[in-house]
Amino acid sequence: MKKHQIRNSIIVIIAFLVAYFGKKACAPFFTISLDEQLYKIIVFYAWWLLPSLLTVAWLFGFKNMIDAIGLKNGFYKGFAFAFITVLPMLLSSAIVGQIDASINWLSLIQKTLLAGVMEEYLFRGFLFGLLFLKFGWGFIPSSLLGALIFGMGHVYQGNNLAASVGVFMITGIGAIWFAWLYVEWNNNLWVPICLHVLMNLSWSLFDVSGSAIGGPMANLFRIITIALTVVITINNGKKQGFKVNKKNLFLHSKVP
């Protein structure tokens, strides 16, 4: 790994940590009540966006920001792929579950659209994507770093130790899966974003489960969705060549 790659990697990791943990550290200094939902959403995601976007602009220039984080092209392909593969989850949730009467439109947008877009942007597009695609990290270390933090960020969903460990494992493995899909579909961040949003929609709108663990029926159709994404992606990789392979598992020497 070259000196500039090491330096830029440190910059990205520091910016990520500031973005991810900065809001919690500075929360006591805010004068407006953090109990206000809309304010919480604005402050929360502003802390995610500002440090990361400024870092991308500094490293790659304002004109190249969208391309650097995988959002320049591929929205329609990403949405079509996600809709087809998540359809089993959506249908099963609508049949087995019921619409959550307690949820409001703001909570639904936060849990589905905002959570899906922002988590994929920060964890996959920014942290994983820059380390793996730009700065010479291999797929395993770059995806594991994001998976560890991503999993830890969801353990609050567990109401006991076993449940917390289960949530950590599921979300951590999910983070690696999203990273793999991102790369295999030609660095198209819209693929994991649309998957994340639609999967969250099936989970939140129909009150399937209060955590990422879920019940037997919900997990059956989640496994079907995951299996579909894997099969379709592998078939695509056989035709176009796999982007993640033994040559870039630990170091990615072909990045500039």
Protein backbone atom coordinates (compact mmCIF):
# COMPACT_ATOMS: atom_id res chain seq x y z
CA MET A 1 0.00 0.00 0.00
CA LYS A 2 1.38 3.39 -1.04
CA LYS A 3 1.98 6.32 1.32
CA HIS A 4 -0.81 8.45 -0.14
CA GLN A 5 -3.23 5.53 0.18
CA ILE A 6 -2.36 5.11 3.86
CA ARG A 7 -2.70 8.85 4.46
CA ASN A 8 -6.05 9.06 2.66
CA SER A 9 -7.30 5.95 4.44
CA ILE A 10 -6.61 7.57 7.81
CA ILE A 11 -8.41 10.73 6.68
CA VAL A 12 -11.48 8.73 5.61
CA ILE A 13 -11.60 6.69 8.83
CA ILE A 14 -11.29 9.82 10.99
CA ALA A 15 -14.00 11.59 8.97
CA PHE A 16 -16.23 8.54 9.30
CA LEU A 17 -15.75 8.39 13.08
CA VAL A 18 -16.47 12.12 13.38
CA ALA A 19 -19.61 11.71 11.25
CA TYR A 20 -20.88 8.60 13.00
CA PHE A 21 -20.12 9.47 16.62
CA GLY A 22 -20.01 13.28 16.46
CA LYS A 23 -23.73 13.83 16.92
CA LYS A 24 -23.87 11.80 20.13
CA ALA A 25 -20.80 13.51 21.54
CA CYS A 26 -22.14 16.99 20.87
CA ALA A 27 -25.80 16.34 21.74
CA PRO A 28 -25.57 17.84 25.27
CA PHE A 29 -24.58 21.22 23.78
CA PHE A 30 -27.72 21.62 21.66
CA THR A 31 -30.27 24.07 23.04
CA ILE A 32 -33.25 22.62 21.12
CA SER A 33 -34.82 19.53 22.65
CA LEU A 34 -33.63 16.35 21.00
CA ASP A 35 -37.03 14.83 21.76
CA GLU A 36 -38.41 16.60 18.72
CA GLN A 37 -38.41 13.95 16.00
CA LEU A 38 -37.88 16.13 12.96
CA TYR A 39 -35.03 17.99 14.65
CA LYS A 40 -33.41 14.69 15.63
CA ILE A 41 -33.52 13.52 12.03
CA ILE A 42 -32.04 16.76 10.66
CA VAL A 43 -29.24 16.93 13.23
CA PHE A 44 -28.49 13.21 13.01
CA TYR A 45 -28.03 13.10 9.26
CA ALA A 46 -26.37 16.51 9.05
CA TRP A 47 -23.61 15.13 11.26
CA TRP A 48 -23.29 12.19 8.90
CA LEU A 49 -23.25 14.25 5.72
CA LEU A 50 -21.05 17.25 6.43
CA PRO A 51 -17.74 15.60 7.46
CA SER A 52 -18.04 12.84 4.86
CA LEU A 53 -19.03 15.07 1.93
CA LEU A 54 -16.33 17.60 2.72
CA THR A 55 -13.79 14.78 2.84
CA VAL A 56 -14.91 13.38 -0.54
CA ALA A 57 -14.80 16.88 -2.06
CA TRP A 58 -11.32 17.47 -0.66
CA LEU A 59 -9.94 14.14 -1.90
CA PHE A 60 -11.65 13.96 -5.31
CA GLY A 61 -13.00 17.43 -6.09
CA PHE A 62 -16.59 18.66 -6.03
CA LYS A 63 -17.22 17.60 -9.64
CA ASN A 64 -16.27 13.98 -8.90
CA MET A 65 -18.10 13.55 -5.60
CA ILE A 66 -21.13 11.66 -6.92
CA ASP A 67 -19.00 9.31 -8.98
CA ALA A 68 -16.57 8.66 -6.12
CA ILE A 69 -19.33 7.30 -3.87
CA GLY A 70 -21.08 5.23 -6.55
CA LEU A 71 -24.17 7.35 -7.21
CA LYS A 72 -23.49 8.72 -10.68
CA ASN A 73 -25.36 6.07 -12.68
CA GLY A 74 -27.48 2.98 -12.30
CA PHE A 75 -30.54 4.07 -10.31
CA TYR A 76 -33.07 2.28 -12.53
CA LYS A 77 -31.02 -0.91 -12.63
CA GLY A 78 -30.58 -0.78 -8.85
CA PHE A 79 -34.29 -0.22 -8.23
CA ALA A 80 -35.38 -2.97 -10.65
CA PHE A 81 -32.94 -5.46 -9.09
CA ALA A 82 -34.10 -4.57 -5.59
CA PHE A 83 -37.82 -4.63 -6.39
CA ILE A 84 -37.66 -8.06 -8.02
CA THR A 85 -35.62 -9.61 -5.21
CA VAL A 86 -37.46 -7.96 -2.30
CA LEU A 87 -40.92 -8.71 -3.73
CA PRO A 88 -41.21 -11.99 -1.75
CA MET A 89 -40.58 -10.08 1.50
CA LEU A 90 -43.07 -7.35 0.62
CA LEU A 91 -45.82 -9.80 -0.32
CA SER A 92 -45.28 -12.07 2.69
CA SER A 93 -45.18 -9.12 5.10
CA ALA A 94 -48.43 -7.78 3.67
CA ILE A 95 -50.09 -11.19 4.04
CA VAL A 96 -48.69 -12.35 7.38
CA GLY A 97 -48.21 -9.02 9.13
CA GLN A 98 -50.40 -6.00 9.55
CA ILE A 99 -49.82 -2.29 9.04
CA ASP A 100 -48.31 -0.80 12.18
CA ALA A 101 -51.00 1.49 13.57
CA SER A 102 -48.49 3.36 15.74
CA ILE A 103 -46.19 4.44 12.93
CA ASN A 104 -46.50 7.92 11.40
CA TRP A 105 -45.33 9.13 8.03
CA LEU A 106 -42.19 10.76 9.45
CA SER A 107 -41.15 7.61 11.30
CA LEU A 108 -41.80 5.51 8.21
CA ILE A 109 -39.67 7.79 6.02
CA GLN A 110 -36.91 7.76 8.63
CA LYS A 111 -36.90 3.96 9.03
CA THR A 112 -37.08 3.21 5.31
CA LEU A 113 -35.92 5.92 2.91
CA LEU A 114 -33.57 7.92 5.12
CA ALA A 115 -32.09 4.95 6.96
CA GLY A 116 -31.52 3.01 3.74
CA VAL A 117 -30.00 5.89 1.79
CA MET A 118 -27.87 7.32 4.56
CA GLU A 119 -26.55 4.05 5.98
CA GLU A 120 -25.54 2.79 2.55
CA TYR A 121 -23.99 6.13 1.67
CA LEU A 122 -21.92 6.38 4.85
CA PHE A 123 -20.98 2.74 5.40
CA ARG A 124 -20.76 1.36 1.87
CA GLY A 125 -20.24 4.38 -0.40
CA PHE A 126 -17.97 6.36 1.90
CA LEU A 127 -16.14 4.05 4.32
CA PHE A 128 -16.01 0.72 2.51
CA GLY A 129 -16.12 2.10 -1.02
CA LEU A 130 -13.26 4.55 -0.65
CA LEU A 131 -11.03 2.13 1.26
CA PHE A 132 -11.57 -0.74 -1.17
CA LEU A 133 -12.00 1.02 -4.51
CA LYS A 134 -9.66 3.98 -4.06
CA PHE A 135 -7.06 3.34 -1.37
CA GLY A 136 -5.84 -0.23 -1.80
CA TRP A 137 -7.63 -2.06 1.01
CA GLY A 138 -8.71 -5.61 0.30
CA PHE A 139 -12.36 -6.60 0.35
CA ILE A 140 -12.09 -8.54 3.61
CA PRO A 141 -10.53 -5.83 5.84
CA SER A 142 -12.53 -2.97 4.32
CA SER A 143 -15.89 -4.77 4.56
CA LEU A 144 -15.16 -6.16 8.04
CA LEU A 145 -14.36 -2.72 9.42
CA GLY A 146 -17.71 -1.35 8.29
CA ALA A 147 -19.53 -4.55 9.35
CA LEU A 148 -18.12 -4.34 12.88
CA ILE A 149 -19.29 -0.75 13.39
CA PHE A 150 -22.56 -1.35 11.53
CA GLY A 151 -23.36 -4.36 13.71
CA MET A 152 -22.46 -2.54 16.92
CA GLY A 153 -24.72 0.32 15.88
CA HIS A 154 -27.74 -2.00 15.89
CA VAL A 155 -27.24 -3.97 19.12
CA TYR A 156 -29.64 -1.63 20.93
CA GLN A 157 -32.44 -3.55 19.20
CA GLY A 158 -31.79 -6.58 21.39
CA ASN A 159 -33.52 -6.72 24.78
CA ASN A 160 -31.02 -9.21 26.22
CA LEU A 161 -27.48 -10.44 25.56
CA ALA A 162 -28.48 -13.27 23.22
CA ALA A 163 -30.76 -11.00 21.19
CA SER A 164 -28.09 -8.30 20.99
CA VAL A 165 -25.52 -10.82 19.75
CA GLY A 166 -28.05 -12.06 17.19
CA VAL A 167 -28.72 -8.53 15.95
CA PHE A 168 -24.98 -7.85 15.76
CA MET A 169 -24.34 -10.97 13.69
CA ILE A 170 -27.26 -10.43 11.31
CA THR A 171 -26.54 -6.75 10.64
CA GLY A 172 -22.78 -7.33 10.45
CA ILE A 173 -23.16 -10.11 7.88
CA GLY A 174 -25.70 -7.93 6.09
CA ALA A 175 -23.12 -5.14 5.84
CA ILE A 176 -20.66 -7.50 4.11
CA TRP A 177 -23.42 -8.71 1.78
CA PHE A 178 -24.35 -5.14 0.83
CA ALA A 179 -20.66 -4.33 0.21
CA TRP A 180 -20.32 -7.36 -2.07
CA LEU A 181 -23.41 -6.42 -4.07
CA TYR A 182 -22.17 -2.83 -4.39
CA VAL A 183 -18.91 -3.93 -5.97
CA GLU A 184 -20.25 -6.80 -8.10
CA TRP A 185 -22.81 -4.52 -9.75
CA ASN A 186 -20.07 -2.26 -11.11
CA ASN A 187 -19.74 -0.08 -8.00
CA ASN A 188 -23.40 0.91 -8.23
CA LEU A 189 -24.43 2.11 -4.76
CA TRP A 190 -28.06 2.29 -5.88
CA VAL A 191 -28.24 -1.51 -5.67
CA PRO A 192 -27.69 -1.77 -1.88
CA ILE A 193 -29.56 1.50 -1.28
CA CYS A 194 -32.74 0.29 -3.00
CA LEU A 195 -32.46 -3.13 -1.37
CA HIS A 196 -32.01 -1.57 2.05
CA VAL A 197 -34.95 0.81 1.61
CA LEU A 198 -37.39 -1.83 0.33
CA MET A 199 -36.35 -4.43 2.92
CA ASN A 200 -36.82 -1.87 5.68
CA LEU A 201 -40.21 -1.00 4.20
CA SER A 202 -41.40 -4.60 4.40
CA TRP A 203 -40.08 -4.80 7.99
CA SER A 204 -41.43 -1.48 9.27
CA LEU A 205 -44.72 -0.82 7.48
CA PHE A 206 -46.24 -4.20 8.29
CA ASP A 207 -44.90 -4.50 11.87
CA VAL A 208 -43.15 -7.81 11.18
CA SER A 209 -40.63 -7.52 14.01
CA GLY A 210 -39.31 -5.03 16.52
CA SER A 211 -35.68 -5.89 15.73
CA ALA A 212 -33.45 -7.20 12.95
CA ILE A 213 -33.82 -10.78 14.22
CA GLY A 214 -37.42 -11.32 13.14
CA GLY A 215 -39.65 -14.38 13.38
CA PRO A 216 -39.61 -17.69 11.45
CA MET A 217 -41.95 -16.62 8.64
CA ALA A 218 -40.31 -13.21 8.19
CA ASN A 219 -36.87 -14.79 8.12
CA LEU A 220 -37.94 -17.43 5.61
CA PHE A 221 -38.83 -14.78 3.06
CA ARG A 222 -35.80 -12.68 3.97
CA ILE A 223 -33.64 -15.72 3.17
CA ILE A 224 -35.48 -16.10 -0.15
CA THR A 225 -34.73 -12.45 -0.97
CA ILE A 226 -31.06 -12.82 -0.05
CA ALA A 227 -30.79 -16.05 -2.05
CA LEU A 228 -32.28 -14.35 -5.10
CA THR A 229 -29.75 -11.51 -4.91
CA VAL A 230 -26.88 -13.98 -4.58
CA VAL A 231 -28.02 -16.21 -7.47
CA ILE A 232 -28.68 -13.29 -9.82
CA THR A 233 -25.38 -11.63 -8.90
CA ILE A 234 -23.37 -14.82 -9.36
CA ASN A 235 -24.96 -15.43 -12.77
CA ASN A 236 -24.10 -11.86 -13.74
CA GLY A 237 -20.54 -12.35 -12.47
CA LYS A 238 -20.09 -15.49 -14.56
CA LYS A 239 -20.88 -13.46 -17.65
CA GLN A 240 -18.97 -10.27 -16.87
CA GLY A 241 -16.32 -11.50 -14.45
CA PHE A 242 -16.35 -11.28 -10.67
CA LYS A 243 -15.16 -7.97 -9.24
CA VAL A 244 -14.35 -9.48 -5.84
CA ASN A 245 -11.82 -12.27 -6.29
CA LYS A 246 -8.73 -13.82 -4.72
CA LYS A 247 -6.54 -11.04 -6.11
CA ASN A 248 -8.21 -8.32 -4.03
CA LEU A 249 -9.40 -10.09 -0.89
CA PHE A 250 -6.66 -8.67 1.36
CA LEU A 251 -5.03 -5.98 -0.77
CA HIS A 252 -6.36 -4.19 -3.82
CA SER A 253 -3.19 -3.42 -5.75
CA LYS A 254 -4.93 -2.26 -8.94
CA VAL A 255 -6.33 0.96 -7.50
CA PRO A 256 -4.37 4.13 -8.40
